[in-house]
Protein backbone atom coordinates (compact mmCIF):
# COMPACT_ATOMS: atom_id res chain seq x y z
CA MET A 1 -30.61 21.21 35.18
CA ILE A 2 -33.04 21.07 38.35
CA LYS A 3 -30.08 21.32 40.69
CA LEU A 4 -28.74 24.42 38.78
CA ASP A 5 -32.15 26.14 38.97
CA LYS A 6 -32.19 25.58 42.80
CA LEU A 7 -28.63 26.89 43.04
CA LEU A 8 -29.56 30.05 41.09
CA LYS A 9 -32.45 30.69 43.38
CA LEU A 10 -30.79 29.95 46.74
CA SER A 11 -27.23 31.21 46.28
CA ALA A 12 -26.36 34.46 47.93
CA ASP A 13 -23.59 34.87 45.21
CA PHE A 14 -24.16 36.32 41.87
CA ILE A 15 -24.08 33.10 39.55
CA CYS A 16 -24.56 33.28 35.87
CA THR A 17 -23.69 31.79 32.47
CA ILE A 18 -22.61 33.84 29.42
CA ASP A 19 -22.70 32.71 25.79
CA GLY A 20 -20.04 33.34 23.15
CA GLN A 21 -21.70 36.69 22.13
CA GLY A 22 -21.20 37.94 25.77
CA ARG A 23 -25.00 37.60 26.55
CA PHE A 24 -26.35 36.44 29.86
CA VAL A 25 -28.08 33.04 29.48
CA ASP A 26 -28.80 32.00 33.20
CA VAL A 27 -28.75 34.43 36.23
CA SER A 28 -29.07 33.75 39.93
CA GLU A 29 -31.70 35.68 41.98
CA ALA A 30 -28.84 37.40 44.00
CA SER A 31 -28.63 39.79 40.95
CA LEU A 32 -31.54 41.73 42.33
CA ASP A 33 -29.98 42.35 45.79
CA LEU A 34 -26.35 42.90 44.17
CA LEU A 35 -27.22 44.93 41.12
CA GLY A 36 -30.84 45.85 41.44
CA TYR A 37 -31.86 43.88 38.30
CA THR A 38 -34.00 40.75 38.24
CA PRO A 39 -32.71 37.68 36.38
CA GLU A 40 -35.29 38.36 33.67
CA GLU A 41 -33.95 41.89 33.10
CA LEU A 42 -30.41 40.57 32.54
CA CYS A 43 -30.98 37.38 30.53
CA GLY A 44 -30.56 37.90 26.81
CA ARG A 45 -28.64 41.15 27.27
CA SER A 46 -24.85 41.66 26.92
CA TYR A 47 -22.72 41.97 30.14
CA THR A 48 -21.15 45.17 28.44
CA ASP A 49 -24.51 46.86 28.95
CA PHE A 50 -23.93 46.78 32.82
CA ILE A 51 -20.22 47.02 33.28
CA ASP A 52 -18.55 50.27 33.94
CA SER A 53 -17.04 51.77 30.82
CA ALA A 54 -13.55 52.12 32.40
CA ASP A 55 -13.40 48.41 32.83
CA LEU A 56 -14.64 47.25 29.39
CA GLY A 57 -11.16 46.65 28.16
CA ILE A 58 -10.10 44.53 31.08
CA ALA A 59 -13.34 42.62 30.81
CA ALA A 60 -12.83 41.98 27.04
CA GLU A 61 -9.30 40.77 27.63
CA ALA A 62 -10.37 38.49 30.33
CA LEU A 63 -13.20 37.09 28.07
CA VAL A 64 -10.53 36.25 25.30
CA GLU A 65 -8.39 34.58 27.78
CA VAL A 66 -10.95 32.41 29.41
CA ILE A 67 -12.42 31.39 26.00
CA SER A 68 -8.79 30.37 25.21
CA GLY A 69 -8.89 27.88 28.09
CA ALA A 70 -7.72 29.92 31.14
CA LYS A 71 -9.38 29.75 34.54
CA LEU A 72 -9.80 33.27 35.55
CA GLN A 73 -10.23 35.49 38.65
CA ILE A 74 -10.59 39.05 38.19
CA GLN A 75 -12.30 42.13 39.79
CA ASN A 76 -14.27 44.97 37.95
CA ARG A 77 -17.07 47.28 38.39
CA TYR A 78 -20.65 47.10 37.40
CA VAL A 79 -23.25 49.72 37.49
CA HIS A 80 -26.23 49.30 39.89
CA LYS A 81 -29.77 49.90 38.58
CA ASP A 82 -29.83 53.13 40.60
CA GLY A 83 -26.59 54.25 39.22
CA HIS A 84 -24.09 53.66 41.92
CA ILE A 85 -20.91 51.43 41.31
CA VAL A 86 -20.68 47.87 42.56
CA PRO A 87 -17.29 46.25 42.67
CA LEU A 88 -17.36 42.50 41.97
CA ARG A 89 -14.72 39.75 42.36
CA TRP A 90 -15.17 37.13 39.56
CA SER A 91 -14.16 33.53 39.10
CA ALA A 92 -14.85 32.21 35.64
CA GLN A 93 -14.25 29.17 33.37
CA TRP A 94 -15.31 28.44 29.81
CA ASP A 95 -17.14 25.09 28.88
CA VAL A 96 -16.10 24.04 25.48
CA GLU A 97 -18.90 21.33 25.28
CA ASP A 98 -21.85 23.84 26.38
CA GLN A 99 -20.12 26.76 24.53
CA LEU A 100 -20.87 28.78 27.76
CA LEU A 101 -18.96 30.80 30.33
CA TYR A 102 -19.80 29.65 33.95
CA ALA A 103 -19.04 32.65 36.34
CA ILE A 104 -19.63 33.54 40.00
CA ALA A 105 -19.19 36.96 41.52
CA ARG A 106 -19.15 38.37 44.92
CA SER A 107 -19.19 42.05 46.15
CA GLY A 108 -15.72 43.49 46.90
CA LEU A 109 -14.47 46.55 48.71
CA ILE A 110 -13.06 49.21 46.40
CA THR A 111 -9.55 49.22 48.12
CA GLU A 112 -9.54 45.48 47.68
CA ARG A 113 -10.68 45.86 43.90
CA GLU A 114 -7.70 48.16 43.21
CA GLU A 115 -5.15 45.74 44.53
CA ALA A 116 -6.75 42.72 43.12
CA MET A 117 -6.99 44.50 39.72
CA ARG A 118 -3.48 45.36 39.70
CA ILE A 119 -2.43 41.87 40.39
CA SER A 120 -5.02 40.47 38.00
CA LEU A 121 -4.01 42.77 35.22
CA GLU A 122 -0.36 41.75 35.61
CA GLU A 123 -1.33 38.13 35.45
CA SER A 124 -3.59 38.85 32.61
CA ASN A 125 -0.89 40.52 30.52
CA GLN A 126 1.39 37.66 31.23
CA ARG A 127 -1.23 35.07 30.30
CA TYR A 128 -1.92 37.07 27.19
CA GLN A 129 1.78 36.74 26.21
CA TYR A 130 1.76 33.09 26.84
CA VAL A 131 -1.38 32.54 24.86
CA SER A 132 -0.04 34.69 21.95
CA ARG A 133 3.02 32.60 21.82
CA ALA A 134 1.13 29.22 22.26
CA THR A 135 -1.62 29.74 19.71
CA SER A 136 -1.22 29.34 15.92
CA ASP A 137 -3.14 32.47 15.44
CA ALA A 138 -2.00 36.11 14.97
CA ILE A 139 -3.71 37.88 17.82
CA TRP A 140 -4.50 41.50 17.44
CA ASP A 141 -5.77 44.40 19.58
CA TRP A 142 -7.21 47.48 17.89
CA ASP A 143 -7.73 50.59 20.02
CA ILE A 144 -10.31 52.31 17.78
CA VAL A 145 -10.27 55.65 19.83
CA LYS A 146 -6.51 55.98 19.59
CA GLY A 147 -6.29 54.43 16.13
CA THR A 148 -3.46 51.99 17.20
CA LEU A 149 -3.19 48.28 16.28
CA TYR A 150 -1.16 45.87 18.32
CA TRP A 151 -0.06 42.48 16.91
CA GLY A 152 0.84 39.49 18.93
CA GLU A 153 4.38 37.83 18.38
CA ASN A 154 2.84 35.05 16.08
CA PHE A 155 2.19 37.81 13.46
CA GLU A 156 5.73 37.69 12.48
CA THR A 157 5.98 33.92 12.69
CA ILE A 158 2.88 33.40 10.46
CA PHE A 159 3.26 36.22 7.88
CA GLY A 160 6.98 37.09 7.99
CA TYR A 161 6.69 40.84 9.02
CA LYS A 162 9.29 41.98 11.51
CA GLN A 163 7.87 43.55 14.68
CA ALA A 164 10.05 46.54 14.20
CA GLU A 165 8.68 47.22 10.84
CA ILE A 166 5.05 46.94 11.56
CA SER A 167 3.17 50.15 11.60
CA PRO A 168 1.18 50.81 14.74
CA GLY A 169 -1.81 51.94 12.88
CA ILE A 170 -4.69 50.17 11.17
CA GLU A 171 -2.89 50.38 7.85
CA SER A 172 -0.59 47.51 9.05
CA TRP A 173 -3.82 45.37 8.46
CA THR A 174 -5.52 46.94 5.61
CA SER A 175 -2.53 47.54 3.30
CA HIS A 176 -1.88 43.78 3.25
CA ILE A 177 -5.33 42.57 2.35
CA CYS A 178 -5.74 41.25 -1.21
CA PRO A 179 -7.09 43.99 -3.38
CA ASP A 180 -9.76 41.83 -4.65
CA ASP A 181 -10.99 41.38 -0.99
CA ILE A 182 -10.33 44.65 0.67
CA LYS A 183 -13.65 46.39 -0.11
CA ARG A 184 -15.73 43.44 1.18
CA VAL A 185 -13.73 43.03 4.25
CA THR A 186 -13.47 46.71 5.25
CA GLU A 187 -17.19 47.18 4.65
CA SER A 188 -18.12 44.19 6.81
CA ILE A 189 -16.12 45.44 9.78
CA GLN A 190 -17.63 48.96 9.43
CA VAL A 191 -21.14 47.47 9.52
CA ILE A 192 -20.24 45.63 12.79
CA LEU A 193 -18.63 48.79 14.22
CA GLN A 194 -21.54 51.01 13.40
CA GLY A 195 -24.24 48.52 14.64
CA LYS A 196 -24.82 46.74 17.85
CA GLU A 197 -23.28 43.32 17.27
CA THR A 198 -20.05 42.37 19.05
CA ASN A 199 -18.79 39.34 17.03
CA TRP A 200 -17.26 39.73 13.67
CA LYS A 201 -15.89 37.02 11.27
CA GLU A 202 -14.49 37.18 7.65
CA GLU A 203 -12.47 34.96 5.36
CA TYR A 204 -10.05 36.56 2.91
CA ARG A 205 -6.51 36.63 1.45
CA TYR A 206 -3.75 38.35 3.32
CA ARG A 207 -0.30 39.10 1.85
CA ARG A 208 2.66 37.75 3.52
CA ALA A 209 6.15 39.43 3.58
CA ASP A 210 7.32 37.27 0.75
CA ARG A 211 4.42 38.70 -1.42
CA THR A 212 2.48 35.47 -1.57
CA PHE A 213 -1.05 35.35 -0.27
CA ALA A 214 -2.36 33.39 2.78
CA ASP A 215 -6.03 32.38 3.05
CA VAL A 216 -7.14 33.40 6.65
CA VAL A 217 -10.18 33.39 8.87
CA ASP A 218 -10.21 36.47 10.96
CA ARG A 219 -12.49 36.62 14.11
CA GLY A 220 -12.94 39.79 16.35
CA PHE A 221 -14.86 40.81 19.40
CA VAL A 222 -16.01 44.47 19.60
CA ILE A 223 -15.96 46.24 22.98
CA ARG A 224 -18.42 49.27 23.33
CA ASP A 225 -18.81 52.15 25.88
CA LYS A 226 -21.91 52.97 27.72
CA GLU A 227 -23.36 54.72 24.67
CA GLY A 228 -22.73 51.69 22.55
CA THR A 229 -19.95 53.25 20.61
CA ALA A 230 -17.23 50.87 19.47
CA VAL A 231 -14.05 51.75 21.41
CA ARG A 232 -11.86 48.69 21.05
CA MET A 233 -11.83 45.41 19.16
CA VAL A 234 -9.81 42.24 19.85
CA GLY A 235 -9.39 39.26 17.76
CA ALA A 236 -7.33 36.41 16.05
CA MET A 237 -6.30 35.79 12.53
CA HIS A 238 -5.89 32.02 11.60
CA ASP A 239 -4.04 30.92 8.51
CA ILE A 240 -6.18 28.27 6.66
CA SER A 241 -3.99 28.05 3.47
CA GLU A 242 -3.05 24.48 4.01
CA ARG A 243 -6.61 23.54 4.81
CA LYS A 244 -7.82 25.35 1.68
CA LEU A 245 -5.19 23.43 -0.44
CA ALA A 246 -6.20 20.22 1.13
CA LEU A 247 -9.86 20.83 0.35
CA LYS A 248 -9.05 21.79 -3.27
CA GLU A 249 -6.95 18.61 -3.66
CA MET A 250 -9.85 16.58 -2.18
CA LYS A 251 -12.32 18.10 -4.61
CA ARG A 252 -9.93 17.38 -7.52
CA ILE A 253 -9.64 13.75 -6.39
CA THR A 254 -13.48 13.56 -5.97
CA ASP A 255 -14.05 15.10 -9.44
CA ASP A 256 -11.65 12.69 -10.91
CA LEU A 257 -13.21 9.67 -9.22
CA TYR A 258 -16.64 10.93 -10.38
CA LYS A 259 -15.26 11.34 -13.93
CA HIS A 260 -13.62 7.84 -13.90
CA ASN A 261 -16.68 6.17 -12.53
CA ARG A 262 -18.75 7.72 -15.30
CA GLU A 263 -16.21 6.77 -17.85
CA LEU A 264 -16.23 3.21 -16.48
CA GLN A 265 -19.93 3.08 -16.90
CA GLU A 266 -19.70 4.35 -20.52
CA PHE A 267 -16.99 1.78 -21.15
CA GLY A 268 -19.06 -1.06 -19.75
CA TYR A 269 -21.90 -0.02 -22.08
CA ILE A 270 -19.41 0.07 -25.02
CA VAL A 271 -18.03 -3.40 -24.10
CA SER A 272 -21.43 -4.78 -23.85
CA HIS A 273 -22.75 -3.23 -27.08
CA ASN A 274 -19.88 -3.84 -29.34
CA LEU A 275 -19.23 -7.53 -28.22
CA ARG A 276 -22.93 -8.47 -28.41
CA SER A 277 -23.21 -8.37 -32.22
CA PRO A 278 -20.27 -10.68 -33.16
CA VAL A 279 -20.96 -13.05 -30.28
CA ALA A 280 -24.60 -13.26 -31.17
CA ASN A 281 -23.54 -14.14 -34.82
CA ILE A 282 -21.19 -16.81 -33.66
CA MET A 283 -23.96 -18.31 -31.41
CA GLY A 284 -26.31 -18.21 -34.30
CA ILE A 285 -23.74 -19.91 -36.64
CA ALA A 286 -23.05 -22.58 -34.05
CA THR A 287 -26.81 -23.30 -33.78
CA LEU A 288 -27.09 -23.50 -37.44
CA LEU A 289 -24.18 -25.91 -37.85
CA GLU A 290 -25.77 -28.27 -35.42
CA ILE A 291 -28.93 -28.44 -37.50
CA GLU A 292 -27.23 -28.40 -41.01
CA LYS A 293 -23.95 -30.12 -40.22
CA ASP A 294 -24.34 -32.62 -43.14
CA ASP A 295 -25.09 -29.94 -45.67
CA PRO A 296 -21.74 -29.00 -47.39
CA GLU A 297 -23.10 -25.63 -48.65
CA THR A 298 -24.41 -24.62 -45.17
CA VAL A 299 -21.08 -25.61 -43.56
CA ALA A 300 -19.20 -23.48 -46.08
CA TYR A 301 -21.55 -20.57 -45.61
CA CYS A 302 -21.32 -20.84 -41.89
CA THR A 303 -17.46 -21.18 -41.93
CA ASN A 304 -17.16 -18.03 -44.03
CA ASN A 305 -19.59 -16.09 -41.64
CA LEU A 306 -17.69 -17.55 -38.59
CA LYS A 307 -14.38 -16.22 -39.99
CA ASN A 308 -16.05 -12.72 -40.46
CA SER A 309 -17.61 -12.65 -37.04
CA ILE A 310 -14.28 -13.79 -35.36
CA SER A 311 -12.51 -11.02 -37.25
CA ARG A 312 -14.99 -8.46 -36.17
CA LEU A 313 -14.60 -9.73 -32.59
CA ASP A 314 -10.88 -9.34 -32.81
CA GLU A 315 -11.20 -5.78 -34.10
CA VAL A 316 -13.60 -4.85 -31.14
CA ILE A 317 -11.00 -6.45 -28.68
CA ILE A 318 -8.19 -4.33 -30.37
CA ASP A 319 -10.23 -1.29 -30.12
CA LEU A 320 -11.07 -1.82 -26.56
CA SER A 321 -7.41 -2.34 -25.78
CA LYS A 322 -6.69 0.90 -27.36
CA ILE A 323 -9.21 2.68 -25.17
CA LEU A 324 -7.82 1.15 -22.02
CA ASN A 325 -4.24 2.05 -22.86
CA ALA A 326 -5.16 5.65 -23.85
CA THR A 327 -6.88 6.14 -20.53
CA ASP A 328 -4.44 4.54 -18.24
CA SER A 329 -2.62 7.35 -16.48
CA SER A 330 -0.73 5.06 -14.16
CA VAL A 331 1.66 4.03 -16.81
CA GLU A 332 4.97 5.82 -16.41
CA LEU A 333 5.61 7.67 -19.85
CA THR A 334 9.01 7.96 -21.40
CA MET A 335 9.49 11.55 -22.14
CA GLU A 336 12.00 12.79 -24.95
CA ARG A 337 12.92 15.79 -27.07
CA ILE A 338 10.55 15.86 -30.14
CA ASP A 339 11.05 17.81 -33.36
CA LEU A 340 7.37 18.28 -34.16
CA TYR A 341 8.36 19.53 -37.72
CA GLU A 342 10.14 16.23 -38.35
CA MET A 343 7.20 14.28 -36.95
CA ILE A 344 4.70 15.96 -39.36
CA ARG A 345 7.06 15.14 -42.23
CA ASN A 346 6.92 11.33 -41.16
CA ILE A 347 3.16 11.55 -40.87
CA LYS A 348 3.00 13.09 -44.50
CA THR A 349 5.25 10.19 -45.61
CA ASP A 350 2.92 7.55 -43.96
CA LEU A 351 -0.22 9.17 -45.46
CA ALA A 352 1.48 9.92 -48.87
CA ASP A 353 -0.98 8.00 -50.97
CA ASN A 354 -3.90 9.48 -49.24
CA ILE A 355 -2.45 13.16 -49.49
CA LEU A 356 -1.66 12.57 -53.16
CA ARG A 357 -5.06 11.11 -54.08
CA ASN A 358 -6.98 13.84 -52.36
CA GLN A 359 -4.58 16.72 -53.32
CA VAL A 360 -3.91 17.68 -49.64
CA ARG A 361 -1.78 20.75 -48.96
CA ILE A 362 -0.20 20.78 -45.30
CA GLU A 363 1.30 24.22 -44.35
CA VAL A 364 3.51 24.50 -41.36
CA THR A 365 4.53 27.87 -40.22
CA GLN A 366 8.26 28.69 -39.89
CA GLY A 367 9.94 28.60 -36.47
CA THR A 368 11.02 26.30 -33.70
CA PHE A 369 8.91 23.09 -33.35
CA LEU A 370 10.53 21.51 -30.30
CA LEU A 371 8.62 19.59 -27.60
CA TYR A 372 9.61 17.49 -24.63
CA SER A 373 6.85 14.87 -24.40
CA HIS A 374 5.85 11.19 -25.23
CA LYS A 375 6.69 10.54 -28.88
CA ALA A 376 4.09 7.83 -29.54
CA TYR A 377 1.25 9.86 -28.00
CA ILE A 378 2.15 13.08 -29.85
CA TYR A 379 2.38 10.97 -33.06
CA SER A 380 -1.11 9.57 -32.50
CA VAL A 381 -2.55 13.06 -31.80
CA PHE A 382 -1.37 14.60 -34.95
CA PHE A 383 -1.85 11.61 -37.03
CA ASN A 384 -5.49 11.33 -36.05
CA LEU A 385 -6.17 15.09 -36.54
CA ILE A 386 -4.61 15.07 -39.95
CA THR A 387 -6.25 11.93 -40.89
CA ASN A 388 -9.61 13.31 -39.86
CA ALA A 389 -8.98 16.54 -41.67
CA ILE A 390 -8.58 14.54 -44.94
CA LYS A 391 -11.35 12.13 -44.18
CA TYR A 392 -14.00 14.90 -43.59
CA ARG A 393 -12.90 17.25 -46.33
CA SER A 394 -15.13 19.56 -48.11
CA GLU A 395 -15.39 19.84 -51.88
CA SER A 396 -12.48 22.04 -52.00
CA ASP A 397 -8.95 20.64 -51.87
CA PRO A 398 -8.00 20.02 -48.27
CA ILE A 399 -5.73 22.59 -46.69
CA ILE A 400 -4.28 22.03 -43.28
CA THR A 401 -2.20 24.63 -41.36
CA LEU A 402 -0.15 24.04 -38.35
CA GLY A 403 1.34 26.73 -36.02
CA ILE A 404 3.23 26.63 -32.80
CA SER A 405 4.10 29.37 -30.19
CA TYR A 406 5.71 29.27 -26.82
CA GLU A 407 4.35 30.65 -23.55
CA GLU A 408 6.10 30.76 -20.06
CA THR A 409 4.93 27.29 -18.90
CA MET A 410 2.89 26.07 -21.89
CA ILE A 411 3.42 25.28 -25.61
CA HIS A 412 0.62 26.50 -27.77
CA ILE A 413 -0.30 24.52 -30.98
CA VAL A 414 -3.03 25.37 -33.44
CA LEU A 415 -4.11 23.04 -36.28
CA SER A 416 -6.79 24.14 -38.69
CA ASP A 417 -8.41 22.66 -41.73
CA ASN A 418 -10.96 23.96 -44.45
CA GLY A 419 -13.15 20.72 -44.15
CA ARG A 420 -16.89 20.15 -43.32
CA GLY A 421 -16.73 21.40 -39.96
CA ILE A 422 -18.72 20.18 -36.82
CA ASP A 423 -22.00 21.39 -35.46
CA LEU A 424 -20.78 22.03 -31.89
CA GLU A 425 -24.02 23.20 -30.71
CA ARG A 426 -25.39 19.67 -31.25
CA HIS A 427 -22.26 17.54 -30.76
CA SER A 428 -19.77 19.29 -28.39
CA ALA A 429 -20.68 17.18 -25.40
CA GLU A 430 -19.85 14.05 -27.27
CA LEU A 431 -16.98 15.13 -29.52
CA PHE A 432 -14.34 13.32 -27.57
CA LYS A 433 -16.27 10.22 -26.54
CA PRO A 434 -15.56 6.75 -28.02
CA TYR A 435 -17.51 5.44 -31.02
CA LYS A 436 -19.09 8.84 -31.61
CA ARG A 437 -19.44 9.72 -35.38
CA PHE A 438 -21.12 12.89 -36.79
CA HIS A 439 -20.70 12.23 -40.60
CA THR A 440 -22.09 8.75 -41.25
CA ASP A 441 -21.41 8.89 -44.97
CA VAL A 442 -17.74 8.35 -44.38
CA GLU A 443 -16.26 5.09 -43.04
CA GLY A 444 -14.90 5.09 -39.51
CA LYS A 445 -15.11 3.85 -36.02
CA GLY A 446 -15.33 7.19 -34.09
CA LEU A 447 -12.10 6.42 -31.98
CA GLY A 448 -9.85 9.10 -33.35
CA MET A 449 -10.99 12.16 -31.48
CA PHE A 450 -11.34 10.09 -28.24
CA LEU A 451 -7.66 8.87 -28.56
CA VAL A 452 -6.53 12.51 -29.16
CA LYS A 453 -8.21 13.83 -26.11
CA SER A 454 -7.16 10.90 -23.90
CA HIS A 455 -3.56 11.21 -24.96
CA ILE A 456 -3.51 15.03 -24.35
CA ASP A 457 -5.11 14.48 -20.82
CA VAL A 458 -2.49 11.91 -19.80
CA LEU A 459 0.18 14.35 -20.96
CA GLY A 460 -1.17 17.06 -18.72
CA GLY A 461 -2.42 19.23 -21.58
CA GLU A 462 -5.68 20.65 -22.83
CA ILE A 463 -7.51 20.72 -26.16
CA SER A 464 -10.25 23.08 -27.39
CA VAL A 465 -12.19 23.18 -30.60
CA THR A 466 -13.83 25.95 -32.74
CA SER A 467 -15.94 24.90 -35.60
CA GLU A 468 -19.04 25.64 -37.75
CA PRO A 469 -20.60 23.37 -40.42
CA GLY A 470 -19.06 24.22 -43.75
CA SER A 471 -16.30 26.43 -42.24
CA GLY A 472 -13.61 24.09 -41.27
CA THR A 473 -12.39 23.20 -37.80
CA THR A 474 -9.57 24.65 -35.57
CA PHE A 475 -8.01 22.58 -32.67
CA THR A 476 -6.09 24.46 -30.04
CA ILE A 477 -3.68 22.32 -27.90
CA LEU A 478 -1.78 23.41 -24.89
CA LEU A 479 0.95 21.10 -23.57
CA PRO A 480 3.31 21.66 -20.64
CA ARG A 481 6.55 23.22 -21.58
CA ARG A 482 9.96 22.47 -20.01
CA SER A 483 12.17 25.39 -19.25
CA ASP A 484 14.87 24.37 -21.78
CA ILE A 485 12.42 24.01 -24.71
């Protein structure tokens, strides 16, 4: 840094660094002799404040090229502090690490400038074509004064629009912006054009030729005349659709991991809690047997209790096995054509005694009741829902209604009952968790609704509930639909 300071002080050449916004950062003292400005007067200001307005376009193109990685030599004209024109020959290179343009300039004769500018412009145009082809961005150049918009060759490659079909006006851009984004995007660009800033950036959705939308990041650089009026804007549009999809998938995986980790913690608690009681009983019985092993009555008592505790332990292990099986999405499921109407008839047969004893009426609307899914899971879902509707009935005779309708990609199933209902304000967060019961006067384990939700999740469906205490419950189930069902 010390050597750079010495170089800036001692060099007879105009040496400077310029940041990504076009502002001078470091300037050599030669600026005073060459342009009449001290380094302090230049630092922090944009180079466009001092360049001749006729050369603004060339300078902007050169800046885009050099930031893209090209080493550049051009000639343009600056305005001296006293008003006369100073031709300068520039060599410049962009440093990616420092995010600075390093440049050196010397005064050049006007006749040399014209020839050098012609050659440089030809080379610049050629390089621009090469950069346009090599980059993965759609490069654009908007002549604000003339109202024309030029697109680089990659515009056709990225978005599918043929060059011959592209309108030369600004509408070739605005007409393809997503309707939900256009107001925000056009307003942001007007703010930049009417202000003093030179750098613009927006993220929005842009319609491809096939009518699908691409997520893009668009960056632009504004070129202004002496009065600060925006006369031109150049930039590049980058398609980030794949990156957005990758981020969305990453978020989905992260959310799934978080959900499964939380479920694993809950499962660990359930295992610990539900195994503790029978195991503690068995340990207590074993201790008692050691003490009273010669007392026949105590042995008989302990044997009976031991059987009960082992039976309870077996029930817990079976329940935990059900939980693990219900939540295991890694198992490949056998999918088959299912007549839901026939399945409901089978469930009614299996629950015949319960239905008859409680005078249950199950009403199924007329129509097609075909699914393509996993038979055992679908049976479990409706068996548990119907069983719960009977178990948690109100004082009236239970009435259960079932309806099905078909949407383009989903099957819509609604099951309603006139039972006790559920206080969702209190219990909605725990409705589908294992071992959660909301009516303790009725015998049960609290696994039914957990199994229903787990099976539907594994099948790629959704379930929602509407209910109020005393007003019954309605379950709405969405399941994926195959095109031939």
